[in-house]
Amino acid sequence: MTERPNLRDRRRQETRVDISWAAVRLTVERGLSNVTIEEIARAAGVSPRTVNNYFSSKAEAIVARHQDRARGIADHLRARPAAEPLWTALREASLAQLDDDRGTASGGTSDPQWTAGVRVMIAEPALAGEFLKANVAAEESLAEAIAERLGADVHDLRVQIIATTAGGVLRAVIQEWLRTDPPAELSTIVHQAFDTLAEVLP
């Protein structure tokens, strides 16, 4: 018997997530230059060839978490009630994805050592280009879901502005999380961010 496509896709996604989290965890612990593809593969329980089949580089594996998070938020947004205000729907979709991330994350968001490692990782010059590409892809995913919700074209100016704003809010949430000492809960910062957004852009 062959696997159903949805089951196969789910397993592929689980493998992708495992590899990405392994790359993030090892980079946080050791620094990007001290991590090899072989070590990522070992930590994820797969072969180096499998890692290379999913990602072209360590950097791509690391930033995949950001891209996947945005896709997850977009999927949660599609599932929100149609009558719900857009900013409320985006807030709830972000919180739902945060809950999903907690189920797969390797480090605690309130762990000072983990936060310090993430801060160093994000500052890695070698990751800058991949993070920029991931930000673009993230906003494209959000724009598609927003366009569907509004019944508009994905290239509509309003859709693009909302997607860019939402992407900026999510980046600001991460920056605020990294800045606070001791680290605050991400869910608290998400609420603060969307409360502020609602004041500025009701």
C-alpha atoms as a PDB file:
ATOM      1  CA  MET A   1       0.000   0.000   0.000  1.00  0.00           C
ATOM      2  CA  THR A   2       1.132   3.532  -0.675  1.00  0.00           C
ATOM      3  CA  GLU A   3       0.848   6.295   1.883  1.00  0.00           C
ATOM      4  CA  ARG A   4      -1.853   8.845   1.462  1.00  0.00           C
ATOM      5  CA  PRO A   5      -0.372  12.113   0.127  1.00  0.00           C
ATOM      6  CA  ASN A   6      -1.452  14.079   3.201  1.00  0.00           C
ATOM      7  CA  LEU A   7       0.323  11.637   5.532  1.00  0.00           C
ATOM      8  CA  ARG A   8       3.459  11.680   3.382  1.00  0.00           C
ATOM      9  CA  ASP A   9       3.426  15.479   3.280  1.00  0.00           C
ATOM     10  CA  ARG A  10       2.952  15.627   7.036  1.00  0.00           C
ATOM     11  CA  ARG A  11       5.945  13.375   7.609  1.00  0.00           C
ATOM     12  CA  ARG A  12       8.064  15.439   5.249  1.00  0.00           C
ATOM     13  CA  GLN A  13       7.085  18.583   7.132  1.00  0.00           C
ATOM     14  CA  GLU A  14       7.915  16.949  10.461  1.00  0.00           C
ATOM     15  CA  THR A  15      11.355  16.006   9.125  1.00  0.00           C
ATOM     16  CA  ARG A  16      11.874  19.546   7.856  1.00  0.00           C
ATOM     17  CA  VAL A  17      10.948  20.959  11.270  1.00  0.00           C
ATOM     18  CA  ASP A  18      13.226  18.480  13.085  1.00  0.00           C
ATOM     19  CA  ILE A  19      16.189  19.418  10.891  1.00  0.00           C
ATOM     20  CA  SER A  20      15.527  23.134  11.238  1.00  0.00           C
ATOM     21  CA  TRP A  21      15.211  22.998  15.030  1.00  0.00           C
ATOM     22  CA  ALA A  22      18.386  20.906  15.240  1.00  0.00           C
ATOM     23  CA  ALA A  23      20.237  23.542  13.212  1.00  0.00           C
ATOM     24  CA  VAL A  24      18.857  26.341  15.389  1.00  0.00           C
ATOM     25  CA  ARG A  25      19.632  24.561  18.661  1.00  0.00           C
ATOM     26  CA  LEU A  26      23.220  23.684  17.712  1.00  0.00           C
ATOM     27  CA  THR A  27      23.892  27.175  16.355  1.00  0.00           C
ATOM     28  CA  VAL A  28      22.523  28.777  19.523  1.00  0.00           C
ATOM     29  CA  GLU A  29      24.741  26.505  21.623  1.00  0.00           C
ATOM     30  CA  ARG A  30      27.946  26.659  19.581  1.00  0.00           C
ATOM     31  CA  GLY A  31      27.796  29.398  16.958  1.00  0.00           C
ATOM     32  CA  LEU A  32      27.193  28.934  13.230  1.00  0.00           C
ATOM     33  CA  SER A  33      30.830  28.331  12.270  1.00  0.00           C
ATOM     34  CA  ASN A  34      31.138  25.511  14.813  1.00  0.00           C
ATOM     35  CA  VAL A  35      28.227  23.462  13.447  1.00  0.00           C
ATOM     36  CA  THR A  36      28.435  21.018  10.553  1.00  0.00           C
ATOM     37  CA  ILE A  37      25.786  19.432   8.350  1.00  0.00           C
ATOM     38  CA  GLU A  38      26.785  16.047   9.784  1.00  0.00           C
ATOM     39  CA  GLU A  39      26.119  17.255  13.335  1.00  0.00           C
ATOM     40  CA  ILE A  40      22.748  18.705  12.329  1.00  0.00           C
ATOM     41  CA  ALA A  41      21.849  15.394  10.708  1.00  0.00           C
ATOM     42  CA  ARG A  42      22.864  13.448  13.807  1.00  0.00           C
ATOM     43  CA  ALA A  43      20.860  15.721  16.085  1.00  0.00           C
ATOM     44  CA  ALA A  44      17.793  15.429  13.828  1.00  0.00           C
ATOM     45  CA  GLY A  45      18.110  11.652  13.485  1.00  0.00           C
ATOM     46  CA  VAL A  46      18.550  11.720   9.708  1.00  0.00           C
ATOM     47  CA  SER A  47      21.392  11.358   7.214  1.00  0.00           C
ATOM     48  CA  PRO A  48      23.482  14.293   5.915  1.00  0.00           C
ATOM     49  CA  ARG A  49      22.033  13.532   2.481  1.00  0.00           C
ATOM     50  CA  THR A  50      18.525  14.055   3.864  1.00  0.00           C
ATOM     51  CA  VAL A  51      19.557  17.417   5.329  1.00  0.00           C
ATOM     52  CA  ASN A  52      20.927  18.453   1.929  1.00  0.00           C
ATOM     53  CA  ASN A  53      17.725  17.284   0.224  1.00  0.00           C
ATOM     54  CA  TYR A  54      15.694  19.665   2.396  1.00  0.00           C
ATOM     55  CA  PHE A  55      18.070  22.614   2.660  1.00  0.00           C
ATOM     56  CA  SER A  56      20.892  24.005   0.538  1.00  0.00           C
ATOM     57  CA  SER A  57      22.836  25.310   3.550  1.00  0.00           C
ATOM     58  CA  LYS A  58      22.958  25.559   7.345  1.00  0.00           C
ATOM     59  CA  ALA A  59      21.700  29.131   7.060  1.00  0.00           C
ATOM     60  CA  GLU A  60      18.644  28.097   5.052  1.00  0.00           C
ATOM     61  CA  ALA A  61      17.825  25.386   7.603  1.00  0.00           C
ATOM     62  CA  ILE A  62      17.981  27.928  10.435  1.00  0.00           C
ATOM     63  CA  VAL A  63      15.778  30.612   8.890  1.00  0.00           C
ATOM     64  CA  ALA A  64      13.266  28.003   7.747  1.00  0.00           C
ATOM     65  CA  ARG A  65      11.684  28.296  11.191  1.00  0.00           C
ATOM     66  CA  HIS A  66      10.773  31.927  10.428  1.00  0.00           C
ATOM     67  CA  GLN A  67       9.305  31.017   7.045  1.00  0.00           C
ATOM     68  CA  ASP A  68       7.351  28.084   8.433  1.00  0.00           C
ATOM     69  CA  ARG A  69       6.038  30.240  11.279  1.00  0.00           C
ATOM     70  CA  ALA A  70       4.640  32.762   8.792  1.00  0.00           C
ATOM     71  CA  ARG A  71       3.019  29.988   6.748  1.00  0.00           C
ATOM     72  CA  GLY A  72       1.503  28.639   9.954  1.00  0.00           C
ATOM     73  CA  ILE A  73       0.117  32.054  10.873  1.00  0.00           C
ATOM     74  CA  ALA A  74      -1.356  32.324   7.365  1.00  0.00           C
ATOM     75  CA  ASP A  75      -3.038  28.926   7.753  1.00  0.00           C
ATOM     76  CA  HIS A  76      -4.439  29.878  11.168  1.00  0.00           C
ATOM     77  CA  LEU A  77      -5.679  33.173   9.696  1.00  0.00           C
ATOM     78  CA  ARG A  78      -7.630  31.270   7.037  1.00  0.00           C
ATOM     79  CA  ALA A  79      -9.318  29.306   9.821  1.00  0.00           C
ATOM     80  CA  ARG A  80     -10.440  32.387  11.796  1.00  0.00           C
ATOM     81  CA  PRO A  81     -14.135  33.478  11.646  1.00  0.00           C
ATOM     82  CA  ALA A  82     -14.826  35.667   8.630  1.00  0.00           C
ATOM     83  CA  ALA A  83     -16.652  38.273  10.752  1.00  0.00           C
ATOM     84  CA  GLU A  84     -13.675  38.746  13.082  1.00  0.00           C
ATOM     85  CA  PRO A  85     -11.813  42.080  12.694  1.00  0.00           C
ATOM     86  CA  LEU A  86      -8.617  41.617  10.700  1.00  0.00           C
ATOM     87  CA  TRP A  87      -6.140  42.716  13.383  1.00  0.00           C
ATOM     88  CA  THR A  88      -7.899  40.486  15.928  1.00  0.00           C
ATOM     89  CA  ALA A  89      -7.715  37.569  13.511  1.00  0.00           C
ATOM     90  CA  LEU A  90      -4.009  38.185  12.911  1.00  0.00           C
ATOM     91  CA  ARG A  91      -3.373  38.409  16.659  1.00  0.00           C
ATOM     92  CA  GLU A  92      -5.184  35.139  17.334  1.00  0.00           C
ATOM     93  CA  ALA A  93      -3.498  33.438  14.370  1.00  0.00           C
ATOM     94  CA  SER A  94      -0.090  34.534  15.688  1.00  0.00           C
ATOM     95  CA  LEU A  95      -0.883  33.228  19.181  1.00  0.00           C
ATOM     96  CA  ALA A  96      -2.128  29.926  17.754  1.00  0.00           C
ATOM     97  CA  GLN A  97       1.098  29.484  15.809  1.00  0.00           C
ATOM     98  CA  LEU A  98       3.081  30.350  18.937  1.00  0.00           C
ATOM     99  CA  ASP A  99       1.306  27.484  20.691  1.00  0.00           C
ATOM    100  CA  ASP A 100       2.213  25.203  17.769  1.00  0.00           C
ATOM    101  CA  ASP A 101       5.850  26.286  18.029  1.00  0.00           C
ATOM    102  CA  ARG A 102       5.904  25.423  21.723  1.00  0.00           C
ATOM    103  CA  GLY A 103       5.151  21.852  20.783  1.00  0.00           C
ATOM    104  CA  THR A 104       8.280  21.591  18.605  1.00  0.00           C
ATOM    105  CA  ALA A 105      10.725  24.093  20.133  1.00  0.00           C
ATOM    106  CA  SER A 106      13.997  22.969  21.655  1.00  0.00           C
ATOM    107  CA  GLY A 107      14.535  25.843  24.072  1.00  0.00           C
ATOM    108  CA  GLY A 108      12.285  27.797  26.390  1.00  0.00           C
ATOM    109  CA  THR A 109      11.369  31.330  25.373  1.00  0.00           C
ATOM    110  CA  SER A 110      11.950  32.492  28.961  1.00  0.00           C
ATOM    111  CA  ASP A 111      15.372  30.841  29.328  1.00  0.00           C
ATOM    112  CA  PRO A 112      18.035  33.628  29.517  1.00  0.00           C
ATOM    113  CA  GLN A 113      20.764  31.351  28.110  1.00  0.00           C
ATOM    114  CA  TRP A 114      18.591  30.379  25.148  1.00  0.00           C
ATOM    115  CA  THR A 115      17.677  34.018  24.516  1.00  0.00           C
ATOM    116  CA  ALA A 116      21.332  35.083  24.606  1.00  0.00           C
ATOM    117  CA  GLY A 117      22.203  32.376  22.091  1.00  0.00           C
ATOM    118  CA  VAL A 118      19.386  33.385  19.755  1.00  0.00           C
ATOM    119  CA  ARG A 119      20.565  37.002  19.973  1.00  0.00           C
ATOM    120  CA  VAL A 120      24.051  35.974  18.858  1.00  0.00           C
ATOM    121  CA  MET A 121      22.652  33.736  16.120  1.00  0.00           C
ATOM    122  CA  ILE A 122      20.480  36.467  14.603  1.00  0.00           C
ATOM    123  CA  ALA A 123      23.472  38.822  14.543  1.00  0.00           C
ATOM    124  CA  GLU A 124      25.495  36.355  12.424  1.00  0.00           C
ATOM    125  CA  PRO A 125      26.500  38.171   9.176  1.00  0.00           C
ATOM    126  CA  ALA A 126      26.317  34.867   7.299  1.00  0.00           C
ATOM    127  CA  LEU A 127      22.602  34.624   8.093  1.00  0.00           C
ATOM    128  CA  ALA A 128      21.656  38.169   7.079  1.00  0.00           C
ATOM    129  CA  GLY A 129      20.877  37.354   3.445  1.00  0.00           C
ATOM    130  CA  GLU A 130      18.825  34.289   4.339  1.00  0.00           C
ATOM    131  CA  PHE A 131      16.827  36.252   6.916  1.00  0.00           C
ATOM    132  CA  LEU A 132      16.029  38.912   4.291  1.00  0.00           C
ATOM    133  CA  LYS A 133      14.808  36.244   1.853  1.00  0.00           C
ATOM    134  CA  ALA A 134      12.792  34.611   4.620  1.00  0.00           C
ATOM    135  CA  ASN A 135      11.150  37.927   5.516  1.00  0.00           C
ATOM    136  CA  VAL A 136      10.032  38.407   1.906  1.00  0.00           C
ATOM    137  CA  ALA A 137       8.673  34.863   1.718  1.00  0.00           C
ATOM    138  CA  ALA A 138       6.916  35.303   5.069  1.00  0.00           C
ATOM    139  CA  GLU A 139       5.134  38.445   3.928  1.00  0.00           C
ATOM    140  CA  GLU A 140       4.109  36.737   0.675  1.00  0.00           C
ATOM    141  CA  SER A 141       2.477  33.936   2.693  1.00  0.00           C
ATOM    142  CA  LEU A 142       0.656  36.453   4.862  1.00  0.00           C
ATOM    143  CA  ALA A 143      -0.425  38.467   1.815  1.00  0.00           C
ATOM    144  CA  GLU A 144      -2.007  35.399   0.203  1.00  0.00           C
ATOM    145  CA  ALA A 145      -4.063  34.640   3.319  1.00  0.00           C
ATOM    146  CA  ILE A 146      -5.040  38.293   3.801  1.00  0.00           C
ATOM    147  CA  ALA A 147      -6.095  38.598   0.157  1.00  0.00           C
ATOM    148  CA  GLU A 148      -8.312  35.513   0.488  1.00  0.00           C
ATOM    149  CA  ARG A 149      -9.884  36.947   3.637  1.00  0.00           C
ATOM    150  CA  LEU A 150     -10.575  40.328   2.036  1.00  0.00           C
ATOM    151  CA  GLY A 151     -11.625  38.886  -1.319  1.00  0.00           C
ATOM    152  CA  ALA A 152      -8.952  40.989  -2.988  1.00  0.00           C
ATOM    153  CA  ASP A 153      -6.074  40.434  -5.371  1.00  0.00           C
ATOM    154  CA  VAL A 154      -2.844  39.496  -3.619  1.00  0.00           C
ATOM    155  CA  HIS A 155      -1.106  42.426  -5.369  1.00  0.00           C
ATOM    156  CA  ASP A 156      -3.697  44.942  -4.153  1.00  0.00           C
ATOM    157  CA  LEU A 157      -1.985  47.844  -2.401  1.00  0.00           C
ATOM    158  CA  ARG A 158      -4.122  47.454   0.712  1.00  0.00           C
ATOM    159  CA  VAL A 159      -3.246  43.756   0.963  1.00  0.00           C
ATOM    160  CA  GLN A 160       0.460  44.451   0.539  1.00  0.00           C
ATOM    161  CA  ILE A 161       0.436  47.192   3.174  1.00  0.00           C
ATOM    162  CA  ILE A 162      -1.364  44.988   5.688  1.00  0.00           C
ATOM    163  CA  ALA A 163       0.966  42.036   5.022  1.00  0.00           C
ATOM    164  CA  THR A 164       4.056  44.216   5.335  1.00  0.00           C
ATOM    165  CA  THR A 165       2.703  45.743   8.550  1.00  0.00           C
ATOM    166  CA  ALA A 166       1.898  42.330  10.026  1.00  0.00           C
ATOM    167  CA  GLY A 167       5.349  41.057   9.075  1.00  0.00           C
ATOM    168  CA  GLY A 168       6.889  44.096  10.732  1.00  0.00           C
ATOM    169  CA  VAL A 169       4.887  43.478  13.894  1.00  0.00           C
ATOM    170  CA  LEU A 170       6.144  39.898  14.087  1.00  0.00           C
ATOM    171  CA  ARG A 171       9.749  41.027  13.614  1.00  0.00           C
ATOM    172  CA  ALA A 172       9.252  43.676  16.295  1.00  0.00           C
ATOM    173  CA  VAL A 173       7.900  41.014  18.655  1.00  0.00           C
ATOM    174  CA  ILE A 174      11.101  38.974  18.265  1.00  0.00           C
ATOM    175  CA  GLN A 175      13.294  42.056  18.735  1.00  0.00           C
ATOM    176  CA  GLU A 176      11.389  43.015  21.885  1.00  0.00           C
ATOM    177  CA  TRP A 177      11.678  39.479  23.202  1.00  0.00           C
ATOM    178  CA  LEU A 178      15.447  39.566  22.662  1.00  0.00           C
ATOM    179  CA  ARG A 179      15.723  43.011  24.269  1.00  0.00           C
ATOM    180  CA  THR A 180      13.837  42.327  27.501  1.00  0.00           C
ATOM    181  CA  ASP A 181      15.814  41.212  30.527  1.00  0.00           C
ATOM    182  CA  PRO A 182      14.739  38.872  31.953  1.00  0.00           C
ATOM    183  CA  PRO A 183      13.090  37.478  28.805  1.00  0.00           C
ATOM    184  CA  ALA A 184       9.329  38.007  28.672  1.00  0.00           C
ATOM    185  CA  GLU A 185       6.808  35.476  27.408  1.00  0.00           C
ATOM    186  CA  LEU A 186       6.352  35.802  23.654  1.00  0.00           C
ATOM    187  CA  SER A 187       2.565  35.615  24.003  1.00  0.00           C
ATOM    188  CA  THR A 188       2.627  38.693  26.269  1.00  0.00           C
ATOM    189  CA  ILE A 189       4.667  40.629  23.709  1.00  0.00           C
ATOM    190  CA  VAL A 190       2.331  39.543  20.896  1.00  0.00           C
ATOM    191  CA  HIS A 191      -0.609  41.022  22.815  1.00  0.00           C
ATOM    192  CA  GLN A 192       1.303  44.244  23.488  1.00  0.00           C
ATOM    193  CA  ALA A 193       2.314  44.540  19.843  1.00  0.00           C
ATOM    194  CA  PHE A 194      -1.189  44.106  18.466  1.00  0.00           C
ATOM    195  CA  ASP A 195      -2.639  46.413  21.132  1.00  0.00           C
ATOM    196  CA  THR A 196      -0.185  49.073  19.951  1.00  0.00           C
ATOM    197  CA  LEU A 197      -0.994  48.359  16.309  1.00  0.00           C
ATOM    198  CA  ALA A 198      -4.723  48.742  16.980  1.00  0.00           C
ATOM    199  CA  GLU A 199      -4.055  52.179  18.494  1.00  0.00           C
ATOM    200  CA  VAL A 200      -1.930  53.337  15.574  1.00  0.00           C
ATOM    201  CA  LEU A 201      -3.919  51.697  12.747  1.00  0.00           C
ATOM    202  CA  PRO A 202      -7.459  51.011  14.009  1.00  0.00           C
END
